[in-house]
Protein backbone atom coordinates (compact mmCIF):
# COMPACT_ATOMS: atom_id res chain seq x y z
CA UNK A 1 229.18 111.04 51.68
CA UNK A 2 225.40 111.02 52.21
CA UNK A 3 224.20 112.91 55.28
CA UNK A 4 223.00 110.64 58.07
CA UNK A 5 220.55 111.66 60.79
CA UNK A 6 221.67 111.22 64.36
CA UNK A 7 218.47 109.49 65.53
CA UNK A 8 218.29 105.70 65.58
CA UNK A 9 215.50 105.41 63.03
CA UNK A 10 217.22 107.50 60.37
CA UNK A 11 218.14 106.12 56.96
CA UNK A 12 219.95 107.51 53.98
CA UNK A 13 217.52 108.52 51.28
CA UNK A 14 217.73 106.46 48.11
CA UNK A 15 215.91 107.18 44.90
CA UNK A 16 216.41 106.83 41.18
CA UNK A 17 217.01 110.16 39.47
CA UNK A 18 215.90 108.72 36.14
CA UNK A 19 212.34 108.00 37.31
CA UNK A 20 209.78 110.23 35.59
CA UNK A 21 207.79 110.80 38.77
CA UNK A 22 210.65 112.23 40.83
CA UNK A 23 209.82 115.72 42.10
CA UNK A 24 212.20 118.56 42.88
CA UNK A 25 211.27 121.67 44.84
CA UNK A 26 213.35 124.48 43.33
CA UNK A 27 213.74 127.76 45.24
CA UNK A 28 215.11 131.05 43.90
CA UNK A 29 214.82 134.72 44.80
CA UNK A 30 214.42 138.18 43.36
CA UNK A 31 214.81 141.49 45.16
CA UNK A 32 215.34 145.19 44.76
CA UNK A 33 218.10 146.77 46.84
CA UNK A 34 215.76 149.57 47.85
CA UNK A 35 213.44 147.08 49.56
CA UNK A 36 213.73 145.55 53.02
CA UNK A 37 212.72 142.07 51.91
CA UNK A 38 213.39 139.67 49.07
CA UNK A 39 210.79 137.50 47.33
CA UNK A 40 211.32 133.75 47.16
CA UNK A 41 209.51 131.49 44.74
CA UNK A 42 209.34 127.73 45.10
CA UNK A 43 208.43 125.46 42.17
CA UNK A 44 207.58 121.77 42.41
CA UNK A 45 208.63 120.13 39.15
CA UNK A 46 208.56 116.51 38.04
CA UNK A 47 211.40 114.99 36.09
CA UNK A 48 209.25 115.19 32.93
CA UNK A 49 209.24 118.99 33.58
CA UNK A 50 205.57 119.17 34.56
CA UNK A 51 205.04 121.86 37.21
CA UNK A 52 202.54 120.78 39.83
CA UNK A 53 203.12 123.15 42.72
CA UNK A 54 204.16 126.71 43.55
CA UNK A 55 204.60 128.75 46.70
CA UNK A 56 206.02 132.16 47.59
CA UNK A 57 207.84 133.52 50.61
CA UNK A 58 209.98 136.42 51.77
CA UNK A 59 213.29 136.88 53.57
CA UNK A 60 214.94 139.93 55.10
CA UNK A 61 217.67 141.69 53.15
CA UNK A 62 220.92 141.35 55.15
CA UNK A 63 219.03 139.29 57.73
CA UNK A 64 219.28 135.81 59.22
CA UNK A 65 215.82 134.39 58.55
CA UNK A 66 216.29 132.58 55.22
CA UNK A 67 216.47 129.05 56.63
CA UNK A 68 213.35 129.38 58.78
CA UNK A 69 211.36 131.09 56.04
CA UNK A 70 212.28 128.41 53.52
CA UNK A 71 211.16 125.77 56.02
CA UNK A 72 207.86 127.64 56.29
CA UNK A 73 207.50 127.55 52.50
CA UNK A 74 208.15 123.81 52.43
CA UNK A 75 205.60 123.15 55.18
CA UNK A 76 203.02 125.28 53.40
CA UNK A 77 203.13 122.91 50.43
CA UNK A 78 201.57 120.19 52.62
CA UNK A 79 203.02 117.47 50.39
CA UNK A 80 204.92 114.28 51.02
CA UNK A 81 205.95 113.54 47.43
CA UNK A 82 208.89 115.96 47.08
CA UNK A 83 212.10 113.95 46.58
CA UNK A 84 214.68 116.74 46.65
CA UNK A 85 215.00 120.43 47.50
CA UNK A 86 217.12 122.44 45.08
CA UNK A 87 218.38 125.85 46.18
CA UNK A 88 219.74 128.62 43.99
CA UNK A 89 222.78 129.05 46.20
CA UNK A 90 223.03 129.38 49.97
CA UNK A 91 223.94 133.07 50.22
CA UNK A 92 220.95 135.18 49.20
CA UNK A 93 219.43 138.58 49.89
CA UNK A 94 222.69 140.38 50.64
CA UNK A 95 224.26 137.66 52.82
CA UNK A 96 221.19 136.07 54.37
CA UNK A 97 222.80 132.63 54.64
CA UNK A 98 220.78 129.43 54.21
CA UNK A 99 221.66 126.37 56.31
CA UNK A 100 221.19 123.47 53.93
CA UNK A 101 221.97 120.83 56.54
CA UNK A 102 219.30 122.18 58.89
CA UNK A 103 216.72 122.08 56.10
CA UNK A 104 217.67 118.45 55.43
CA UNK A 105 217.45 117.56 59.13
CA UNK A 106 214.05 119.17 59.68
CA UNK A 107 212.37 118.05 56.45
CA UNK A 108 214.13 114.70 55.96
CA UNK A 109 214.33 115.62 52.27
CA UNK A 110 217.70 115.67 50.45
CA UNK A 111 218.99 119.16 49.66
CA UNK A 112 221.14 120.38 46.77
CA UNK A 113 222.49 123.94 46.62
CA UNK A 114 223.81 124.96 43.22
CA UNK A 115 226.03 127.90 42.26
CA UNK A 116 227.48 128.81 38.92
CA UNK A 117 230.72 130.73 39.47
CA UNK A 118 234.07 129.84 40.97
CA UNK A 119 235.07 131.93 43.97
CA UNK A 120 238.09 132.44 46.17
CA UNK A 121 235.82 133.01 49.15
CA UNK A 122 233.62 135.77 50.57
CA UNK A 123 235.09 136.39 54.02
CA UNK A 124 236.57 139.74 53.05
CA UNK A 125 233.33 140.86 51.43
CA UNK A 126 231.32 139.82 54.48
CA UNK A 127 233.63 141.83 56.74
CA UNK A 128 233.16 144.90 54.55
CA UNK A 129 229.37 144.60 54.50
CA UNK A 130 229.08 143.84 58.23
CA UNK A 131 231.96 145.75 59.87
CA UNK A 132 230.35 145.77 63.32
CA UNK A 133 228.76 142.32 63.46
CA UNK A 134 230.58 140.09 61.00
CA UNK A 135 231.31 137.31 63.53
CA UNK A 136 227.95 135.53 63.13
CA UNK A 137 227.93 135.87 59.35
CA UNK A 138 231.48 134.55 59.07
CA UNK A 139 230.63 131.57 61.28
CA UNK A 140 227.57 130.81 59.15
CA UNK A 141 229.60 131.11 55.97
CA UNK A 142 232.40 128.85 57.19
CA UNK A 143 229.87 126.21 58.23
CA UNK A 144 228.63 125.89 54.65
CA UNK A 145 231.54 123.63 53.76
CA UNK A 146 233.26 123.07 50.44
CA UNK A 147 231.59 122.86 47.05
CA UNK A 148 231.95 120.07 44.51
CA UNK A 149 232.53 121.09 40.90
CA UNK A 150 230.67 118.93 38.38
CA UNK A 151 230.52 118.93 34.59
CA UNK A 152 226.98 118.83 33.24
CA UNK A 153 225.89 116.95 30.13
CA UNK A 154 225.45 120.39 28.53
CA UNK A 155 229.20 121.00 28.83
CA UNK A 156 228.84 123.61 31.59
CA UNK A 157 230.42 123.46 35.04
CA UNK A 158 228.42 124.07 38.21
CA UNK A 159 229.26 123.89 41.92
CA UNK A 160 227.22 121.83 44.36
CA UNK A 161 226.76 121.42 48.07
CA UNK A 162 224.41 118.62 49.09
CA UNK A 163 222.98 116.84 52.11
CA UNK A 164 221.14 113.53 52.31
CA UNK A 165 222.46 112.12 49.05
CA UNK A 166 225.75 111.24 47.40
CA UNK A 167 227.76 113.28 44.93
CA UNK A 168 226.71 110.88 42.17
CA UNK A 169 223.02 111.25 43.06
CA UNK A 170 223.24 115.04 43.28
CA UNK A 171 224.96 115.20 39.89
CA UNK A 172 222.35 112.90 38.34
CA UNK A 173 219.45 115.00 39.60
CA UNK A 174 220.94 118.29 38.43
CA UNK A 175 221.67 116.77 35.02
CA UNK A 176 218.14 115.35 34.78
CA UNK A 177 216.59 118.78 35.24
CA UNK A 178 219.02 120.80 33.09
CA UNK A 179 217.98 121.12 29.44
CA UNK A 180 220.53 123.68 28.28
CA UNK A 181 223.23 125.87 29.74
CA UNK A 182 223.87 125.48 33.46
CA UNK A 183 220.59 126.37 35.20
CA UNK A 184 218.25 123.49 36.15
CA UNK A 185 214.64 124.07 35.13
CA UNK A 186 213.18 124.21 38.68
CA UNK A 187 215.61 127.02 39.51
CA UNK A 188 215.09 128.82 36.19
CA UNK A 189 211.29 128.83 36.55
CA UNK A 190 211.47 129.81 40.21
CA UNK A 191 213.66 132.80 39.26
CA UNK A 192 211.12 133.87 36.65
CA UNK A 193 208.24 133.53 39.11
CA UNK A 194 210.05 135.55 41.78
CA UNK A 195 210.87 138.31 39.29
CA UNK A 196 207.27 138.40 38.06
CA UNK A 197 206.04 138.73 41.63
CA UNK A 198 208.42 141.64 42.24
CA UNK A 199 207.29 143.41 39.06
CA UNK A 200 203.63 142.93 39.91
CA UNK A 201 204.03 144.26 43.45
CA UNK A 202 205.88 147.35 42.21
CA UNK A 203 203.14 148.37 39.77
């Protein structure tokens, strides 16, 4: 079901994924385990695959600042033409957990989080990594909700969580931006940009 705001003036977002002018803001990360922070790259891409925006940010490895720092990245774009935010997963930077619903609420932009592997759950792993303070991380993880598995036009399966749009709309957008394999172009390019930034800073 589409996410609905609690305020009286809220409306479900509706758009046509097939329109050439639709813009997705794709966010992905790169980090080195020896560093205290991870680099995020955000790419604004139109449906015709033209890139017309880019921004960078950082989050703390093993921290709890990913949601707020992503919101800062979005605000720094200073744009009102982004139709959807696409996240490369919700658990980044060694269990710095992104709250997709909060991003949707504060930006009023639909959010899709995409992952590529099936999983039986991460609660045991979280407990091992945070033996003394796993309660908060486990609560954040459980609040993420279930994923929907979808089959892409490329023949690959991916797993989606989404807010502010329907399952059909989320599937259509991901398919529109995926040329081959399973990784949508905004995410693929954002990954490359984040990695390039890491390499440059380490030189």
